[in-house]
């Protein structure tokens, strides 16, 4: 029987930037069923592009389909995921957000849950807090493994101790290049080659190489283990 992987992300491109190489390795192994949850999608004007809510959801559906995954869109009261609270998730009722996460965990009962690590981006921080609340020890089901994904764009020196990298997935150059091609295919609106930071294709490769140094590999992706039950 395949294991179940649940990815809960605040924005459509977060997990692909953070863990696309890992997803490709899991897809090759055919050992996991993928379940994806996109929390936010709004019309947004970025420095380099204007992207509509519908465009972002369509991009996300294509991405989910590529991995043979299930796009989870639960409804709580008057809200349905993805909600229209991009970059203002801190204004959404936290109790309802926790309920969304609990609902998806109950539906999927994942072996592994992945979400973005906390950062100075309020959407990442609020969703992280909701996931931790939803996987509390008193809740009747909790995944055996919870991994926090990183996005170097949102790592800042003011927050050096929010979490510690302690888990790596080794990648080769072919996988990194494939990840980059998929980002170009599924999330072209998020790429910005004219801006410093992680949202350029060259930066993705450089960061994978940096994490590879730490993992004694040519390239790697890095994660923080929040929880892991071995037996």
Foldseek 3Di string as FASTA:
>chain_A
DAFEEEEEEAFLCVCLLFPVLVLVVCLVVVRYAYEYEHAEFAFDDDPVDTDHSVLRVVLSVVVCVVSVYHYDWDDDVPDIPNGHQVLNCVPPPLVVLLVVLLVVCVVGVGQEYEYAQDFPRPSRNSNVVSNCVNQDPPHPGHHQWYKHTYFFQGHDPVPPVSFDWDDKDADDPVSLVVSLVSCCVRPVVQADCPDDGSRHSVNSLVQQCVVCVVVVHRGIRIITIPHHDDD
